């Protein structure tokens, strides 16, 4: 526990986002986790050009991930966002239905040498949802102490990175906070019930916020809303 406290103290003392990433990497190394990313999946920043605080994954894997549209298929952030539960990759995979397209993402990740990892959803002080995912090679199952360490340093890293991130990277306040959260999840392919579970609101409430957002930007439908919101985030 003393080591864990020291890791968190180092993260909390970081003066830049790069220092946060370095401190997180140092805490992950003994567990064989070599890749990591932190970013926002709901709220205003998730709509902006820089939803990630930092990403340290192989460039060829990131290129394939983006080219194949895996952001909509990846079961790891999907599970974490909808459930709010921090879990090991292997825990999530065994819960997937046989026909879930996420199995393809997991299989390809293994070809790049990533067999185990951990995903931690983090709710920020402002109510937005962030996500930290870390990964590494094949290893024994994570024990309770390792899981506690991963949850703790991942949450500390995201909170510190979000506090240090330049607020100018977030888009202008066209949407309310709740509308922005719903639109961000819509852009990731979430249905109304899934948005409701992620934000702890009723599906009808999610639909209400999305309809308001659609009218604000003059979108014809939800697909058009996602396109217009993406364009707005690049302004």
Protein backbone atom coordinates (compact mmCIF):
# COMPACT_ATOMS: atom_id res chain seq x y z
CA UNK A 1 0.00 0.00 0.00
CA UNK A 2 2.94 2.33 0.63
CA UNK A 3 4.08 1.78 -2.97
CA UNK A 4 0.57 2.49 -4.21
CA UNK A 5 0.39 5.72 -2.21
CA UNK A 6 3.75 6.76 -3.65
CA UNK A 7 2.53 6.11 -7.20
CA UNK A 8 -0.59 8.20 -6.66
CA UNK A 9 1.46 10.97 -5.05
CA UNK A 10 3.75 11.06 -8.09
CA UNK A 11 0.77 11.26 -10.44
CA UNK A 12 -0.88 13.99 -8.37
CA UNK A 13 2.37 15.99 -8.37
CA UNK A 14 2.72 15.89 -12.16
CA UNK A 15 2.97 19.37 -13.66
CA UNK A 16 2.11 18.36 -17.25
CA UNK A 17 0.01 15.71 -18.99
CA UNK A 18 3.24 14.16 -20.28
CA UNK A 19 4.44 13.76 -16.69
CA UNK A 20 1.12 12.11 -15.79
CA UNK A 21 1.62 9.59 -18.61
CA UNK A 22 5.19 8.92 -17.49
CA UNK A 23 4.11 8.36 -13.88
CA UNK A 24 1.34 6.01 -14.98
CA UNK A 25 3.78 4.07 -17.19
CA UNK A 26 6.14 3.60 -14.24
CA UNK A 27 3.32 2.12 -12.17
CA UNK A 28 2.23 -0.21 -14.99
CA UNK A 29 5.65 -1.58 -15.89
CA UNK A 30 5.95 -4.13 -13.04
CA UNK A 31 2.64 -5.65 -14.15
CA UNK A 32 3.82 -6.11 -17.74
CA UNK A 33 1.52 -3.42 -19.09
CA UNK A 34 3.32 -1.51 -21.82
CA UNK A 35 0.50 0.31 -23.62
CA UNK A 36 -1.92 2.83 -22.18
CA UNK A 37 -4.38 5.56 -23.09
CA UNK A 38 -6.51 8.08 -21.21
CA UNK A 39 -9.37 10.09 -22.64
CA UNK A 40 -12.91 11.36 -22.29
CA UNK A 41 -15.88 9.49 -23.72
CA UNK A 42 -18.64 11.89 -22.66
CA UNK A 43 -18.90 15.58 -21.96
CA UNK A 44 -17.66 18.60 -23.96
CA UNK A 45 -14.07 17.42 -24.36
CA UNK A 46 -15.17 14.17 -25.99
CA UNK A 47 -16.66 16.26 -28.82
CA UNK A 48 -13.47 18.24 -29.35
CA UNK A 49 -10.45 17.53 -31.55
CA UNK A 50 -8.45 16.12 -28.63
CA UNK A 51 -10.63 13.75 -26.57
CA UNK A 52 -7.50 11.85 -25.49
CA UNK A 53 -5.15 13.10 -22.80
CA UNK A 54 -2.46 10.72 -24.02
CA UNK A 55 -2.16 7.57 -26.10
CA UNK A 56 0.77 5.16 -26.01
CA UNK A 57 -0.07 2.28 -28.35
CA UNK A 58 1.87 1.01 -31.40
CA UNK A 59 1.30 3.30 -34.38
CA UNK A 60 0.43 0.41 -36.71
CA UNK A 61 -2.22 -0.86 -34.28
CA UNK A 62 -3.71 2.63 -33.94
CA UNK A 63 -3.80 3.02 -37.73
CA UNK A 64 -5.59 -0.31 -38.14
CA UNK A 65 -7.96 0.49 -35.26
CA UNK A 66 -9.00 3.75 -36.90
CA UNK A 67 -9.15 2.40 -40.45
CA UNK A 68 -11.39 -0.52 -39.42
CA UNK A 69 -13.71 1.62 -37.30
CA UNK A 70 -12.96 -0.46 -34.22
CA UNK A 71 -14.08 2.35 -31.92
CA UNK A 72 -17.65 1.12 -32.50
CA UNK A 73 -16.77 -2.56 -32.10
CA UNK A 74 -14.17 -2.65 -29.34
CA UNK A 75 -15.83 -4.50 -26.44
CA UNK A 76 -13.51 -3.02 -23.81
CA UNK A 77 -14.66 0.63 -23.79
CA UNK A 78 -18.19 -0.51 -24.69
CA UNK A 79 -18.42 -2.65 -21.58
CA UNK A 80 -16.76 -0.11 -19.31
CA UNK A 81 -18.94 2.77 -20.50
CA UNK A 82 -22.22 0.88 -20.22
CA UNK A 83 -21.43 -0.96 -16.98
CA UNK A 84 -19.20 1.56 -15.21
CA UNK A 85 -17.19 -1.41 -13.94
CA UNK A 86 -13.38 -1.65 -14.01
CA UNK A 87 -12.44 -5.06 -15.41
CA UNK A 88 -9.61 -7.06 -16.95
CA UNK A 89 -9.80 -7.61 -20.69
CA UNK A 90 -10.20 -11.36 -20.26
CA UNK A 91 -13.10 -10.82 -17.84
CA UNK A 92 -14.94 -8.82 -20.50
CA UNK A 93 -14.19 -11.16 -23.39
CA UNK A 94 -15.68 -14.22 -21.68
CA UNK A 95 -18.93 -12.30 -21.20
CA UNK A 96 -19.30 -11.47 -24.90
CA UNK A 97 -21.90 -13.36 -26.92
CA UNK A 98 -20.31 -15.66 -29.48
CA UNK A 99 -21.44 -13.51 -32.39
CA UNK A 100 -20.28 -10.20 -30.94
CA UNK A 101 -18.02 -8.35 -33.44
CA UNK A 102 -15.78 -7.37 -30.54
CA UNK A 103 -14.17 -10.82 -30.72
CA UNK A 104 -12.51 -9.76 -33.98
CA UNK A 105 -10.96 -6.70 -32.31
CA UNK A 106 -9.62 -8.85 -29.47
CA UNK A 107 -8.18 -11.43 -31.88
CA UNK A 108 -6.36 -8.78 -33.92
CA UNK A 109 -5.04 -7.11 -30.77
CA UNK A 110 -3.53 -10.47 -29.80
CA UNK A 111 -1.73 -10.55 -33.15
CA UNK A 112 -0.05 -7.30 -32.11
CA UNK A 113 1.05 -8.92 -28.84
CA UNK A 114 -1.70 -7.64 -26.54
CA UNK A 115 -3.37 -10.44 -24.60
CA UNK A 116 -4.34 -8.91 -21.27
CA UNK A 117 -5.12 -5.48 -19.91
CA UNK A 118 -7.44 -3.49 -17.72
CA UNK A 119 -10.11 -0.88 -18.42
CA UNK A 120 -11.11 1.70 -15.80
CA UNK A 121 -14.07 4.08 -16.26
CA UNK A 122 -13.67 7.31 -14.28
CA UNK A 123 -16.36 9.90 -13.52
CA UNK A 124 -14.78 13.35 -13.24
CA UNK A 125 -15.77 16.04 -10.75
CA UNK A 126 -17.77 17.74 -13.48
CA UNK A 127 -19.77 14.57 -14.11
CA UNK A 128 -18.13 13.65 -17.43
CA UNK A 129 -17.02 10.09 -18.10
CA UNK A 130 -13.40 9.25 -18.82
CA UNK A 131 -11.71 5.97 -19.61
CA UNK A 132 -8.23 4.57 -19.06
CA UNK A 133 -7.22 1.40 -20.91
CA UNK A 134 -3.89 -0.36 -20.37
CA UNK A 135 -2.57 -3.45 -22.09
CA UNK A 136 0.30 -5.89 -22.25
CA UNK A 137 1.37 -9.37 -23.24
CA UNK A 138 0.22 -12.75 -21.97
CA UNK A 139 0.47 -13.06 -18.20
CA UNK A 140 -1.22 -14.85 -15.27
CA UNK A 141 -4.66 -13.59 -14.24
CA UNK A 142 -4.57 -10.27 -12.39
CA UNK A 143 -4.85 -10.82 -8.66
CA UNK A 144 -6.98 -8.59 -6.37
CA UNK A 145 -4.01 -6.47 -5.34
CA UNK A 146 -3.01 -5.82 -8.94
CA UNK A 147 -6.58 -4.91 -9.85
CA UNK A 148 -6.73 -2.44 -6.97
CA UNK A 149 -3.46 -0.89 -8.10
CA UNK A 150 -4.66 -0.57 -11.70
CA UNK A 151 -7.99 0.97 -10.72
CA UNK A 152 -6.33 3.43 -8.36
CA UNK A 153 -3.50 4.69 -10.53
CA UNK A 154 -5.70 4.77 -13.64
CA UNK A 155 -8.29 6.93 -11.88
CA UNK A 156 -5.60 9.20 -10.45
CA UNK A 157 -3.99 9.58 -13.88
CA UNK A 158 -7.20 10.51 -15.64
CA UNK A 159 -8.26 12.99 -12.98
CA UNK A 160 -4.86 14.69 -13.00
CA UNK A 161 -4.61 14.72 -16.79
CA UNK A 162 -8.08 16.19 -17.13
CA UNK A 163 -7.23 18.89 -14.58
CA UNK A 164 -4.07 19.78 -16.52
CA UNK A 165 -5.51 19.55 -20.04
CA UNK A 166 -5.89 22.81 -21.88
CA UNK A 167 -9.55 23.89 -21.57
CA UNK A 168 -9.23 25.55 -24.96
CA UNK A 169 -9.26 22.10 -26.55
CA UNK A 170 -12.89 21.64 -25.54
CA UNK A 171 -15.50 22.89 -28.04
CA UNK A 172 -17.57 25.98 -27.51
CA UNK A 173 -20.72 25.53 -25.46
CA UNK A 174 -23.27 24.94 -28.20
CA UNK A 175 -24.78 22.04 -26.27
CA UNK A 176 -25.59 21.75 -22.61
CA UNK A 177 -23.37 19.36 -20.65
CA UNK A 178 -25.97 16.60 -20.78
CA UNK A 179 -26.63 17.13 -24.50
CA UNK A 180 -22.89 16.97 -25.16
CA UNK A 181 -22.63 13.70 -23.23
CA UNK A 182 -25.49 12.14 -25.19
CA UNK A 183 -24.12 13.33 -28.53
CA UNK A 184 -20.65 12.00 -27.71
CA UNK A 185 -22.06 8.54 -27.03
CA UNK A 186 -24.33 8.72 -30.09
CA UNK A 187 -21.22 9.34 -32.22
CA UNK A 188 -19.77 6.12 -30.82
CA UNK A 189 -22.78 4.13 -31.97
CA UNK A 190 -24.67 3.92 -28.66
CA UNK A 191 -28.45 3.38 -28.67
CA UNK A 192 -30.80 5.33 -26.39
CA UNK A 193 -30.93 2.51 -23.79
CA UNK A 194 -27.12 2.25 -23.82
CA UNK A 195 -26.75 6.01 -23.43
CA UNK A 196 -29.23 5.85 -20.57
CA UNK A 197 -27.26 3.15 -18.78
CA UNK A 198 -23.96 4.98 -19.29
CA UNK A 199 -25.32 8.27 -17.93
CA UNK A 200 -27.78 6.86 -15.39
CA UNK A 201 -30.78 8.44 -17.12
CA UNK A 202 -33.90 7.00 -18.76
CA UNK A 203 -33.71 6.19 -22.50
CA UNK A 204 -36.52 8.71 -23.03
CA UNK A 205 -34.40 11.38 -21.35
CA UNK A 206 -31.47 10.53 -23.62
CA UNK A 207 -33.78 10.85 -26.63
CA UNK A 208 -35.03 14.22 -25.31
CA UNK A 209 -31.46 15.59 -25.05
CA UNK A 210 -30.53 14.28 -28.49
CA UNK A 211 -33.62 15.86 -30.05
CA UNK A 212 -32.72 19.20 -28.43
CA UNK A 213 -29.14 18.92 -29.74
CA UNK A 214 -30.42 18.03 -33.21
CA UNK A 215 -32.64 21.11 -33.34
CA UNK A 216 -29.81 23.39 -32.15
CA UNK A 217 -27.59 22.49 -35.09
CA UNK A 218 -30.38 22.06 -37.64
CA UNK A 219 -29.69 18.36 -38.15
CA UNK A 220 -32.21 16.34 -40.16
CA UNK A 221 -31.72 13.14 -38.19
CA UNK A 222 -29.31 11.45 -35.79
CA UNK A 223 -26.76 10.60 -38.45
CA UNK A 224 -26.74 14.23 -39.54
CA UNK A 225 -26.44 15.28 -35.88
CA UNK A 226 -23.33 13.11 -35.46
CA UNK A 227 -21.79 14.58 -38.63
CA UNK A 228 -22.57 18.18 -37.64
CA UNK A 229 -21.30 17.65 -34.11
CA UNK A 230 -18.03 16.25 -35.48
CA UNK A 231 -17.65 19.26 -37.77
CA UNK A 232 -18.43 21.62 -34.90
CA UNK A 233 -15.73 19.98 -32.78
CA UNK A 234 -13.11 20.77 -35.44
CA UNK A 235 -13.95 24.48 -35.54
